[in-house]
Amino acid sequence: MTSDTPRRSGLRGLGHAGPSPWTDLDRPPLDAAGLRRDLLRPGGLWTSIDVVEETGSTNTDLAARAREGAPQGAVLVAEAQNSGRGRLERQWSAPARSGLFLSVLLRPDGVPVERYGWLPILVGVAAASTLSRVAEVEVGLKWPNDLQVEIDGAERKLGGILTELGGGAVVAGLGLNVSLRAAELPVPTAASLALAGAAVTDRATLLRALLREFAELYGEWTAAAGDPHTSGLLRAYAARCTTLGRPVKVLLPGDRELRGEAVAVDGDGRLVVRTPDGARRAVGAGDVVHVRPEPRVAQ
């Protein structure tokens, strides 16, 4: 190195040759070591926490680890995803460090496989409860597990959940918009905690609280062998479900459509819709649209 060669600082972003994670000061990187120190406990649910700069999909990566025999409690967080997936094969993308993009590996011993369908609902309840308490933003759950907030009187999507079964395990993924700005929204119906006026948008604080909340609820659910009634999960979900009591249009597989009022969630997590003829139909899969009630015409 000659005397006139610029010296490079060891601090990232100050003379470092590579890209800096501090380019956007409103979006600092997560501290994996700090998260491990705070969350990994002997006998606790969480057994490992890894943070990667970028990946295609945390669900895909963690599913591969599950097939290799990774233990329950592995957590994988990505600062950015370029092939994130949501329900119904929808794509999920967002700027780096603008949200929480993570997956957790679960092996719910003692829970019948037919009750695994409650796991995305469990993740949703844990997330909605955490955000309402910590970020001080009222978060609801659109059936089955879309996270919603209301901004200027309109319901908007804050995040989504996708669970996948493989390798004898369940991988549950969560995508949550935290600091996404209005100009960065992928669609006008999306939202972020920042746009909803959240009191807390620090991702590390939210992630710690979310993982602790989930671990507690998961422990109660597995102790009840996944029973949604005994564990209290069904009751907790119904209390936050924004779909219940509303007129809905359900887009079903095969380009079919069901209209009626969402009146309940049954013991299998299905949405029960009362049709105009008074019949009740239980829906296990479909895309729900909240329909505005038609105004009454004065006689």
C-alpha atoms as a PDB file:
ATOM      1  CA  MET A   1       0.000   0.000   0.000  1.00  0.00           C
ATOM      2  CA  THR A   2       1.477   3.380  -0.987  1.00  0.00           C
ATOM      3  CA  SER A   3       1.263   6.425   1.246  1.00  0.00           C
ATOM      4  CA  ASP A   4      -1.425   8.047  -0.919  1.00  0.00           C
ATOM      5  CA  THR A   5      -3.699   4.950  -0.983  1.00  0.00           C
ATOM      6  CA  PRO A   6      -6.910   5.667   0.943  1.00  0.00           C
ATOM      7  CA  ARG A   7      -7.031   3.703   4.182  1.00  0.00           C
ATOM      8  CA  ARG A   8     -10.078   1.568   4.752  1.00  0.00           C
ATOM      9  CA  SER A   9     -11.728   1.516   8.121  1.00  0.00           C
ATOM     10  CA  GLY A  10     -12.694  -1.759   9.763  1.00  0.00           C
ATOM     11  CA  LEU A  11     -16.167  -0.323  10.341  1.00  0.00           C
ATOM     12  CA  ARG A  12     -18.654  -1.413   7.706  1.00  0.00           C
ATOM     13  CA  GLY A  13     -19.827   1.533   5.672  1.00  0.00           C
ATOM     14  CA  LEU A  14     -16.752   3.630   6.529  1.00  0.00           C
ATOM     15  CA  GLY A  15     -14.218   2.718   3.896  1.00  0.00           C
ATOM     16  CA  HIS A  16     -15.350  -0.915   3.720  1.00  0.00           C
ATOM     17  CA  ALA A  17     -15.164  -2.262   0.197  1.00  0.00           C
ATOM     18  CA  GLY A  18     -18.451  -4.170   0.373  1.00  0.00           C
ATOM     19  CA  PRO A  19     -22.017  -2.917   0.687  1.00  0.00           C
ATOM     20  CA  SER A  20     -22.959  -1.672   4.117  1.00  0.00           C
ATOM     21  CA  PRO A  21     -26.013  -2.872   6.013  1.00  0.00           C
ATOM     22  CA  TRP A  22     -26.184   0.629   7.515  1.00  0.00           C
ATOM     23  CA  THR A  23     -26.876   2.374   4.189  1.00  0.00           C
ATOM     24  CA  ASP A  24     -30.427   3.041   5.415  1.00  0.00           C
ATOM     25  CA  LEU A  25     -30.060   4.215   8.998  1.00  0.00           C
ATOM     26  CA  ASP A  26     -33.770   3.636   9.639  1.00  0.00           C
ATOM     27  CA  ARG A  27     -33.215  -0.045   8.933  1.00  0.00           C
ATOM     28  CA  PRO A  28     -30.283  -1.348  10.998  1.00  0.00           C
ATOM     29  CA  PRO A  29     -29.296  -5.017  10.642  1.00  0.00           C
ATOM     30  CA  LEU A  30     -30.343  -7.603  13.189  1.00  0.00           C
ATOM     31  CA  ASP A  31     -27.765  -8.748  15.749  1.00  0.00           C
ATOM     32  CA  ALA A  32     -27.849 -12.547  15.597  1.00  0.00           C
ATOM     33  CA  ALA A  33     -25.526 -12.967  18.592  1.00  0.00           C
ATOM     34  CA  GLY A  34     -27.735 -10.706  20.711  1.00  0.00           C
ATOM     35  CA  LEU A  35     -30.864 -12.597  19.686  1.00  0.00           C
ATOM     36  CA  ARG A  36     -29.245 -15.915  20.614  1.00  0.00           C
ATOM     37  CA  ARG A  37     -28.144 -14.515  23.955  1.00  0.00           C
ATOM     38  CA  ASP A  38     -31.672 -13.338  24.763  1.00  0.00           C
ATOM     39  CA  LEU A  39     -33.725 -16.243  23.426  1.00  0.00           C
ATOM     40  CA  LEU A  40     -31.771 -19.495  23.623  1.00  0.00           C
ATOM     41  CA  ARG A  41     -32.345 -21.148  26.996  1.00  0.00           C
ATOM     42  CA  PRO A  42     -31.786 -24.740  28.204  1.00  0.00           C
ATOM     43  CA  GLY A  43     -35.109 -26.549  27.991  1.00  0.00           C
ATOM     44  CA  GLY A  44     -36.676 -23.747  25.953  1.00  0.00           C
ATOM     45  CA  LEU A  45     -38.324 -24.113  22.553  1.00  0.00           C
ATOM     46  CA  TRP A  46     -35.704 -22.231  20.555  1.00  0.00           C
ATOM     47  CA  THR A  47     -32.537 -24.207  19.832  1.00  0.00           C
ATOM     48  CA  SER A  48     -30.794 -22.106  17.167  1.00  0.00           C
ATOM     49  CA  ILE A  49     -31.198 -18.665  15.594  1.00  0.00           C
ATOM     50  CA  ASP A  50     -29.519 -17.753  12.328  1.00  0.00           C
ATOM     51  CA  VAL A  51     -29.723 -14.465  10.434  1.00  0.00           C
ATOM     52  CA  VAL A  52     -28.725 -14.390   6.756  1.00  0.00           C
ATOM     53  CA  GLU A  53     -28.312 -11.332   4.546  1.00  0.00           C
ATOM     54  CA  GLU A  54     -30.442 -12.702   1.719  1.00  0.00           C
ATOM     55  CA  THR A  55     -32.024 -15.936   0.573  1.00  0.00           C
ATOM     56  CA  GLY A  56     -34.678 -17.157  -1.788  1.00  0.00           C
ATOM     57  CA  SER A  57     -37.081 -18.409   0.882  1.00  0.00           C
ATOM     58  CA  THR A  58     -36.521 -19.069   4.578  1.00  0.00           C
ATOM     59  CA  ASN A  59     -39.222 -21.763   4.397  1.00  0.00           C
ATOM     60  CA  THR A  60     -37.384 -23.598   1.620  1.00  0.00           C
ATOM     61  CA  ASP A  61     -34.052 -23.362   3.430  1.00  0.00           C
ATOM     62  CA  LEU A  62     -35.425 -24.537   6.758  1.00  0.00           C
ATOM     63  CA  ALA A  63     -37.378 -27.377   5.125  1.00  0.00           C
ATOM     64  CA  ALA A  64     -34.078 -28.632   3.713  1.00  0.00           C
ATOM     65  CA  ARG A  65     -32.594 -28.597   7.218  1.00  0.00           C
ATOM     66  CA  ALA A  66     -35.649 -30.470   8.507  1.00  0.00           C
ATOM     67  CA  ARG A  67     -35.049 -33.256   5.979  1.00  0.00           C
ATOM     68  CA  GLU A  68     -31.477 -33.459   7.250  1.00  0.00           C
ATOM     69  CA  GLY A  69     -32.767 -33.997  10.797  1.00  0.00           C
ATOM     70  CA  ALA A  70     -32.486 -30.494  12.263  1.00  0.00           C
ATOM     71  CA  PRO A  71     -34.087 -30.359  15.721  1.00  0.00           C
ATOM     72  CA  GLN A  72     -37.236 -28.504  16.673  1.00  0.00           C
ATOM     73  CA  GLY A  73     -36.788 -24.862  17.537  1.00  0.00           C
ATOM     74  CA  ALA A  74     -34.511 -23.758  14.683  1.00  0.00           C
ATOM     75  CA  VAL A  75     -35.195 -20.162  13.636  1.00  0.00           C
ATOM     76  CA  LEU A  76     -34.022 -18.726  10.329  1.00  0.00           C
ATOM     77  CA  VAL A  77     -34.335 -14.990   9.656  1.00  0.00           C
ATOM     78  CA  ALA A  78     -33.471 -13.286   6.366  1.00  0.00           C
ATOM     79  CA  GLU A  79     -32.742  -9.594   6.031  1.00  0.00           C
ATOM     80  CA  ALA A  80     -34.104  -9.933   2.484  1.00  0.00           C
ATOM     81  CA  GLN A  81     -35.928 -12.623   0.508  1.00  0.00           C
ATOM     82  CA  ASN A  82     -36.003 -12.753  -3.275  1.00  0.00           C
ATOM     83  CA  SER A  83     -38.381 -15.713  -3.689  1.00  0.00           C
ATOM     84  CA  GLY A  84     -40.617 -15.457  -0.642  1.00  0.00           C
ATOM     85  CA  ARG A  85     -43.936 -17.275  -0.949  1.00  0.00           C
ATOM     86  CA  GLY A  86     -47.337 -16.667   0.565  1.00  0.00           C
ATOM     87  CA  ARG A  87     -50.594 -18.578   0.522  1.00  0.00           C
ATOM     88  CA  LEU A  88     -51.991 -19.698  -2.841  1.00  0.00           C
ATOM     89  CA  GLU A  89     -48.466 -19.487  -4.352  1.00  0.00           C
ATOM     90  CA  ARG A  90     -48.395 -15.695  -4.143  1.00  0.00           C
ATOM     91  CA  GLN A  91     -44.976 -14.037  -4.156  1.00  0.00           C
ATOM     92  CA  TRP A  92     -43.759 -11.954  -1.226  1.00  0.00           C
ATOM     93  CA  SER A  93     -40.996  -9.386  -1.668  1.00  0.00           C
ATOM     94  CA  ALA A  94     -39.879  -6.260   0.166  1.00  0.00           C
ATOM     95  CA  PRO A  95     -36.763  -4.058   0.489  1.00  0.00           C
ATOM     96  CA  ALA A  96     -33.956  -5.398   2.648  1.00  0.00           C
ATOM     97  CA  ARG A  97     -34.440  -4.977   6.424  1.00  0.00           C
ATOM     98  CA  SER A  98     -37.876  -3.387   5.914  1.00  0.00           C
ATOM     99  CA  GLY A  99     -39.633  -6.207   7.729  1.00  0.00           C
ATOM    100  CA  LEU A 100     -39.349  -9.499   9.536  1.00  0.00           C
ATOM    101  CA  PHE A 101     -38.942 -12.485   7.219  1.00  0.00           C
ATOM    102  CA  LEU A 102     -38.495 -15.675   9.180  1.00  0.00           C
ATOM    103  CA  SER A 103     -39.320 -19.344   9.493  1.00  0.00           C
ATOM    104  CA  VAL A 104     -39.354 -21.682  12.479  1.00  0.00           C
ATOM    105  CA  LEU A 105     -38.972 -25.466  12.508  1.00  0.00           C
ATOM    106  CA  LEU A 106     -41.460 -27.379  14.654  1.00  0.00           C
ATOM    107  CA  ARG A 107     -41.838 -31.052  15.524  1.00  0.00           C
ATOM    108  CA  PRO A 108     -45.059 -31.145  17.577  1.00  0.00           C
ATOM    109  CA  ASP A 109     -44.683 -34.538  19.261  1.00  0.00           C
ATOM    110  CA  GLY A 110     -47.882 -35.820  20.794  1.00  0.00           C
ATOM    111  CA  VAL A 111     -50.064 -33.754  18.456  1.00  0.00           C
ATOM    112  CA  PRO A 112     -52.094 -35.692  15.845  1.00  0.00           C
ATOM    113  CA  VAL A 113     -51.172 -34.738  12.280  1.00  0.00           C
ATOM    114  CA  GLU A 114     -54.762 -33.738  11.569  1.00  0.00           C
ATOM    115  CA  ARG A 115     -54.353 -30.884  14.069  1.00  0.00           C
ATOM    116  CA  TYR A 116     -51.246 -29.450  12.392  1.00  0.00           C
ATOM    117  CA  GLY A 117     -53.566 -27.159  10.435  1.00  0.00           C
ATOM    118  CA  TRP A 118     -53.897 -25.071  13.591  1.00  0.00           C
ATOM    119  CA  LEU A 119     -50.216 -24.068  13.476  1.00  0.00           C
ATOM    120  CA  PRO A 120     -50.580 -21.153  11.006  1.00  0.00           C
ATOM    121  CA  ILE A 121     -53.463 -19.919  13.137  1.00  0.00           C
ATOM    122  CA  LEU A 122     -51.240 -20.210  16.215  1.00  0.00           C
ATOM    123  CA  VAL A 123     -48.543 -18.144  14.510  1.00  0.00           C
ATOM    124  CA  GLY A 124     -51.166 -15.558  13.564  1.00  0.00           C
ATOM    125  CA  VAL A 125     -52.531 -15.284  17.089  1.00  0.00           C
ATOM    126  CA  ALA A 126     -49.022 -14.936  18.527  1.00  0.00           C
ATOM    127  CA  ALA A 127     -48.107 -12.245  15.984  1.00  0.00           C
ATOM    128  CA  ALA A 128     -51.336 -10.262  16.365  1.00  0.00           C
ATOM    129  CA  SER A 129     -51.144 -10.395  20.154  1.00  0.00           C
ATOM    130  CA  THR A 130     -47.495  -9.343  20.200  1.00  0.00           C
ATOM    131  CA  LEU A 131     -47.940  -6.453  17.788  1.00  0.00           C
ATOM    132  CA  SER A 132     -51.034  -5.143  19.534  1.00  0.00           C
ATOM    133  CA  ARG A 133     -49.209  -5.186  22.862  1.00  0.00           C
ATOM    134  CA  VAL A 134     -45.693  -4.101  21.893  1.00  0.00           C
ATOM    135  CA  ALA A 135     -46.254  -1.908  18.827  1.00  0.00           C
ATOM    136  CA  GLU A 136     -49.563  -0.576  20.191  1.00  0.00           C
ATOM    137  CA  VAL A 137     -51.316  -1.143  16.871  1.00  0.00           C
ATOM    138  CA  GLU A 138     -54.580  -3.073  16.842  1.00  0.00           C
ATOM    139  CA  VAL A 139     -53.932  -6.063  14.611  1.00  0.00           C
ATOM    140  CA  GLY A 140     -56.659  -8.411  13.433  1.00  0.00           C
ATOM    141  CA  LEU A 141     -56.650 -11.722  11.583  1.00  0.00           C
ATOM    142  CA  LYS A 142     -58.470 -12.156   8.308  1.00  0.00           C
ATOM    143  CA  TRP A 143     -59.327 -15.832   7.896  1.00  0.00           C
ATOM    144  CA  PRO A 144     -57.299 -17.877   7.897  1.00  0.00           C
ATOM    145  CA  ASN A 145     -54.209 -15.961   8.985  1.00  0.00           C
ATOM    146  CA  ASP A 146     -53.566 -12.685   7.170  1.00  0.00           C
ATOM    147  CA  LEU A 147     -52.435  -9.958   9.577  1.00  0.00           C
ATOM    148  CA  GLN A 148     -54.515  -6.804   9.113  1.00  0.00           C
ATOM    149  CA  VAL A 149     -54.513  -3.222  10.333  1.00  0.00           C
ATOM    150  CA  GLU A 150     -56.932  -0.423   9.641  1.00  0.00           C
ATOM    151  CA  ILE A 151     -55.575   2.779   8.112  1.00  0.00           C
ATOM    152  CA  ASP A 152     -57.899   5.686   7.325  1.00  0.00           C
ATOM    153  CA  GLY A 153     -60.900   3.401   7.691  1.00  0.00           C
ATOM    154  CA  ALA A 154     -59.602   0.762   5.253  1.00  0.00           C
ATOM    155  CA  GLU A 155     -58.407  -2.739   6.117  1.00  0.00           C
ATOM    156  CA  ARG A 156     -54.914  -3.371   4.816  1.00  0.00           C
ATOM    157  CA  LYS A 157     -52.601  -6.376   4.896  1.00  0.00           C
ATOM    158  CA  LEU A 158     -49.661  -6.148   7.266  1.00  0.00           C
ATOM    159  CA  GLY A 159     -48.270  -9.642   6.873  1.00  0.00           C
ATOM    160  CA  GLY A 160     -48.924 -13.255   6.033  1.00  0.00           C
ATOM    161  CA  ILE A 161     -48.134 -16.781   7.186  1.00  0.00           C
ATOM    162  CA  LEU A 162     -47.301 -19.968   5.301  1.00  0.00           C
ATOM    163  CA  THR A 163     -46.777 -23.389   6.882  1.00  0.00           C
ATOM    164  CA  GLU A 164     -45.421 -26.431   5.086  1.00  0.00           C
ATOM    165  CA  LEU A 165     -45.107 -30.069   6.144  1.00  0.00           C
ATOM    166  CA  GLY A 166     -41.971 -31.989   5.240  1.00  0.00           C
ATOM    167  CA  GLY A 167     -39.193 -34.086   6.698  1.00  0.00           C
ATOM    168  CA  GLY A 168     -41.453 -35.113   9.575  1.00  0.00           C
ATOM    169  CA  ALA A 169     -41.615 -31.478  10.664  1.00  0.00           C
ATOM    170  CA  VAL A 170     -43.655 -28.336  10.150  1.00  0.00           C
ATOM    171  CA  VAL A 171     -41.946 -25.202   8.864  1.00  0.00           C
ATOM    172  CA  ALA A 172     -43.919 -22.056   9.665  1.00  0.00           C
ATOM    173  CA  GLY A 173     -42.985 -18.867   7.843  1.00  0.00           C
ATOM    174  CA  LEU A 174     -43.970 -15.291   8.640  1.00  0.00           C
ATOM    175  CA  GLY A 175     -43.563 -12.163   6.545  1.00  0.00           C
ATOM    176  CA  LEU A 176     -44.300  -8.892   8.328  1.00  0.00           C
ATOM    177  CA  ASN A 177     -43.960  -5.359   6.932  1.00  0.00           C
ATOM    178  CA  VAL A 178     -42.334  -3.157   9.565  1.00  0.00           C
ATOM    179  CA  SER A 179     -40.822   0.029   8.080  1.00  0.00           C
ATOM    180  CA  LEU A 180     -42.153  -0.189   4.521  1.00  0.00           C
ATOM    181  CA  ARG A 181     -42.862   3.302   3.177  1.00  0.00           C
ATOM    182  CA  ALA A 182     -45.882   4.299   1.113  1.00  0.00           C
ATOM    183  CA  ALA A 183     -43.849   4.463  -2.110  1.00  0.00           C
ATOM    184  CA  GLU A 184     -42.542   0.930  -1.460  1.00  0.00           C
ATOM    185  CA  LEU A 185     -45.903  -0.782  -1.038  1.00  0.00           C
ATOM    186  CA  PRO A 186     -46.290  -3.644  -3.545  1.00  0.00           C
ATOM    187  CA  VAL A 187     -50.039  -3.008  -3.795  1.00  0.00           C
ATOM    188  CA  PRO A 188     -52.274  -0.224  -2.402  1.00  0.00           C
ATOM    189  CA  THR A 189     -53.956  -2.693  -0.019  1.00  0.00           C
ATOM    190  CA  ALA A 190     -50.675  -3.460   1.765  1.00  0.00           C
ATOM    191  CA  ALA A 191     -49.509  -1.748   4.947  1.00  0.00           C
ATOM    192  CA  SER A 192     -46.654  -1.609   7.422  1.00  0.00           C
ATOM    193  CA  LEU A 193     -46.336  -0.972  11.126  1.00  0.00           C
ATOM    194  CA  ALA A 194     -44.725   2.396  10.395  1.00  0.00           C
ATOM    195  CA  LEU A 195     -47.622   3.481   8.174  1.00  0.00           C
ATOM    196  CA  ALA A 196     -50.064   2.326  10.864  1.00  0.00           C
ATOM    197  CA  GLY A 197     -48.387   4.625  13.415  1.00  0.00           C
ATOM    198  CA  ALA A 198     -46.759   1.912  15.521  1.00  0.00           C
ATOM    199  CA  ALA A 199     -45.136   2.945  18.789  1.00  0.00           C
ATOM    200  CA  VAL A 200     -42.302   0.446  18.213  1.00  0.00           C
ATOM    201  CA  THR A 201     -40.741  -0.475  14.870  1.00  0.00           C
ATOM    202  CA  ASP A 202     -37.416  -1.841  16.114  1.00  0.00           C
ATOM    203  CA  ARG A 203     -37.251  -5.268  14.485  1.00  0.00           C
ATOM    204  CA  ALA A 204     -35.127  -6.890  17.172  1.00  0.00           C
ATOM    205  CA  THR A 205     -37.560  -5.842  19.905  1.00  0.00           C
ATOM    206  CA  LEU A 206     -40.511  -7.134  17.889  1.00  0.00           C
ATOM    207  CA  LEU A 207     -38.774 -10.402  17.002  1.00  0.00           C
ATOM    208  CA  ARG A 208     -37.809 -11.189  20.585  1.00  0.00           C
ATOM    209  CA  ALA A 209     -41.336 -10.492  21.809  1.00  0.00           C
ATOM    210  CA  LEU A 210     -42.898 -12.515  18.990  1.00  0.00           C
ATOM    211  CA  LEU A 211     -40.739 -15.594  19.546  1.00  0.00           C
ATOM    212  CA  ARG A 212     -41.373 -15.508  23.296  1.00  0.00           C
ATOM    213  CA  GLU A 213     -45.133 -15.178  22.760  1.00  0.00           C
ATOM    214  CA  PHE A 214     -45.198 -17.999  20.247  1.00  0.00           C
ATOM    215  CA  ALA A 215     -43.164 -20.301  22.489  1.00  0.00           C
ATOM    216  CA  GLU A 216     -45.661 -19.800  25.326  1.00  0.00           C
ATOM    217  CA  LEU A 217     -48.726 -20.412  23.144  1.00  0.00           C
ATOM    218  CA  TYR A 218     -47.083 -23.379  21.412  1.00  0.00           C
ATOM    219  CA  GLY A 219     -46.320 -24.945  24.783  1.00  0.00           C
ATOM    220  CA  GLU A 220     -49.970 -24.639  25.807  1.00  0.00           C
ATOM    221  CA  TRP A 221     -51.160 -26.036  22.479  1.00  0.00           C
ATOM    222  CA  THR A 222     -48.832 -29.051  22.488  1.00  0.00           C
ATOM    223  CA  ALA A 223     -49.625 -29.756  26.157  1.00  0.00           C
ATOM    224  CA  ALA A 224     -53.269 -30.037  25.066  1.00  0.00           C
ATOM    225  CA  ALA A 225     -52.288 -32.399  22.214  1.00  0.00           C
ATOM    226  CA  GLY A 226     -53.206 -29.662  19.743  1.00  0.00           C
ATOM    227  CA  ASP A 227     -56.812 -29.422  20.917  1.00  0.00           C
ATOM    228  CA  PRO A 228     -57.963 -25.906  19.944  1.00  0.00           C
ATOM    229  CA  HIS A 229     -60.644 -25.872  22.640  1.00  0.00           C
ATOM    230  CA  THR A 230     -58.619 -27.126  25.606  1.00  0.00           C
ATOM    231  CA  SER A 231     -55.615 -24.955  24.731  1.00  0.00           C
ATOM    232  CA  GLY A 232     -57.797 -21.861  24.305  1.00  0.00           C
ATOM    233  CA  LEU A 233     -56.470 -21.296  20.779  1.00  0.00           C
ATOM    234  CA  LEU A 234     -59.875 -21.293  19.076  1.00  0.00           C
ATOM    235  CA  ARG A 235     -61.218 -18.745  21.536  1.00  0.00           C
ATOM    236  CA  ALA A 236     -58.158 -16.513  21.149  1.00  0.00           C
ATOM    237  CA  TYR A 237     -58.368 -16.705  17.368  1.00  0.00           C
ATOM    238  CA  ALA A 238     -62.094 -15.953  17.202  1.00  0.00           C
ATOM    239  CA  ALA A 239     -61.536 -12.867  19.373  1.00  0.00           C
ATOM    240  CA  ARG A 240     -59.114 -11.432  16.784  1.00  0.00           C
ATOM    241  CA  CYS A 241     -60.694 -12.729  13.579  1.00  0.00           C
ATOM    242  CA  THR A 242     -61.911  -9.783  11.498  1.00  0.00           C
ATOM    243  CA  THR A 243     -63.866 -12.091   9.186  1.00  0.00           C
ATOM    244  CA  LEU A 244     -66.438 -13.355  11.678  1.00  0.00           C
ATOM    245  CA  GLY A 245     -69.840 -11.682  11.624  1.00  0.00           C
ATOM    246  CA  ARG A 246     -69.207 -10.159   8.193  1.00  0.00           C
ATOM    247  CA  PRO A 247     -70.683 -10.692   4.730  1.00  0.00           C
ATOM    248  CA  VAL A 248     -68.039 -12.529   2.704  1.00  0.00           C
ATOM    249  CA  LYS A 249     -67.285 -13.814  -0.746  1.00  0.00           C
ATOM    250  CA  VAL A 250     -65.095 -16.924  -0.718  1.00  0.00           C
ATOM    251  CA  LEU A 251     -63.213 -17.723  -3.914  1.00  0.00           C
ATOM    252  CA  LEU A 252     -62.954 -21.515  -3.971  1.00  0.00           C
ATOM    253  CA  PRO A 253     -60.729 -23.846  -6.004  1.00  0.00           C
ATOM    254  CA  GLY A 254     -62.073 -24.509  -9.471  1.00  0.00           C
ATOM    255  CA  ASP A 255     -63.237 -20.918 -10.031  1.00  0.00           C
ATOM    256  CA  ARG A 256     -66.195 -21.441  -7.714  1.00  0.00           C
ATOM    257  CA  GLU A 257     -67.599 -18.800  -5.397  1.00  0.00           C
ATOM    258  CA  LEU A 258     -69.473 -18.909  -2.117  1.00  0.00           C
ATOM    259  CA  ARG A 259     -71.319 -15.926  -0.659  1.00  0.00           C
ATOM    260  CA  GLY A 260     -72.867 -15.534   2.753  1.00  0.00           C
ATOM    261  CA  GLU A 261     -72.095 -14.485   6.325  1.00  0.00           C
ATOM    262  CA  ALA A 262     -69.035 -15.788   8.163  1.00  0.00           C
ATOM    263  CA  VAL A 263     -70.575 -17.078  11.390  1.00  0.00           C
ATOM    264  CA  ALA A 264     -67.937 -19.293  13.036  1.00  0.00           C
ATOM    265  CA  VAL A 265     -64.623 -21.119  12.885  1.00  0.00           C
ATOM    266  CA  ASP A 266     -65.088 -24.822  13.596  1.00  0.00           C
ATOM    267  CA  GLY A 267     -62.903 -27.271  15.497  1.00  0.00           C
ATOM    268  CA  ASP A 268     -60.885 -28.006  12.359  1.00  0.00           C
ATOM    269  CA  GLY A 269     -60.103 -24.334  11.716  1.00  0.00           C
ATOM    270  CA  ARG A 270     -62.543 -24.113   8.811  1.00  0.00           C
ATOM    271  CA  LEU A 271     -64.598 -20.998   8.177  1.00  0.00           C
ATOM    272  CA  VAL A 272     -68.332 -21.618   8.538  1.00  0.00           C
ATOM    273  CA  VAL A 273     -70.395 -19.538   6.100  1.00  0.00           C
ATOM    274  CA  ARG A 274     -74.156 -19.214   6.358  1.00  0.00           C
ATOM    275  CA  THR A 275     -75.560 -18.871   2.842  1.00  0.00           C
ATOM    276  CA  PRO A 276     -78.662 -16.795   1.993  1.00  0.00           C
ATOM    277  CA  ASP A 277     -80.826 -19.949   2.102  1.00  0.00           C
ATOM    278  CA  GLY A 278     -79.796 -20.554   5.720  1.00  0.00           C
ATOM    279  CA  ALA A 279     -77.455 -23.483   5.035  1.00  0.00           C
ATOM    280  CA  ARG A 280     -74.047 -23.639   6.698  1.00  0.00           C
ATOM    281  CA  ARG A 281     -70.964 -24.468   4.653  1.00  0.00           C
ATOM    282  CA  ALA A 282     -67.544 -25.166   6.174  1.00  0.00           C
ATOM    283  CA  VAL A 283     -64.657 -23.928   4.025  1.00  0.00           C
ATOM    284  CA  GLY A 284     -61.172 -25.334   4.517  1.00  0.00           C
ATOM    285  CA  ALA A 285     -59.392 -23.474   1.727  1.00  0.00           C
ATOM    286  CA  GLY A 286     -60.195 -20.383  -0.264  1.00  0.00           C
ATOM    287  CA  ASP A 287     -59.558 -16.684  -0.679  1.00  0.00           C
ATOM    288  CA  VAL A 288     -61.892 -14.560   1.442  1.00  0.00           C
ATOM    289  CA  VAL A 289     -63.099 -11.127   0.392  1.00  0.00           C
ATOM    290  CA  HIS A 290     -64.821  -8.985   3.015  1.00  0.00           C
ATOM    291  CA  VAL A 291     -67.941  -7.593   1.387  1.00  0.00           C
ATOM    292  CA  ARG A 292     -69.451  -4.297   2.435  1.00  0.00           C
ATOM    293  CA  PRO A 293     -73.093  -4.704   3.520  1.00  0.00           C
ATOM    294  CA  GLU A 294     -75.528  -3.350   0.980  1.00  0.00           C
ATOM    295  CA  PRO A 295     -77.230  -0.182   2.236  1.00  0.00           C
ATOM    296  CA  ARG A 296     -80.839  -0.612   3.205  1.00  0.00           C
ATOM    297  CA  VAL A 297     -83.344   1.144   0.998  1.00  0.00           C
ATOM    298  CA  ALA A 298     -86.031   3.084   2.848  1.00  0.00           C
ATOM    299  CA  GLN A 299     -89.529   1.753   2.227  1.00  0.00           C
END
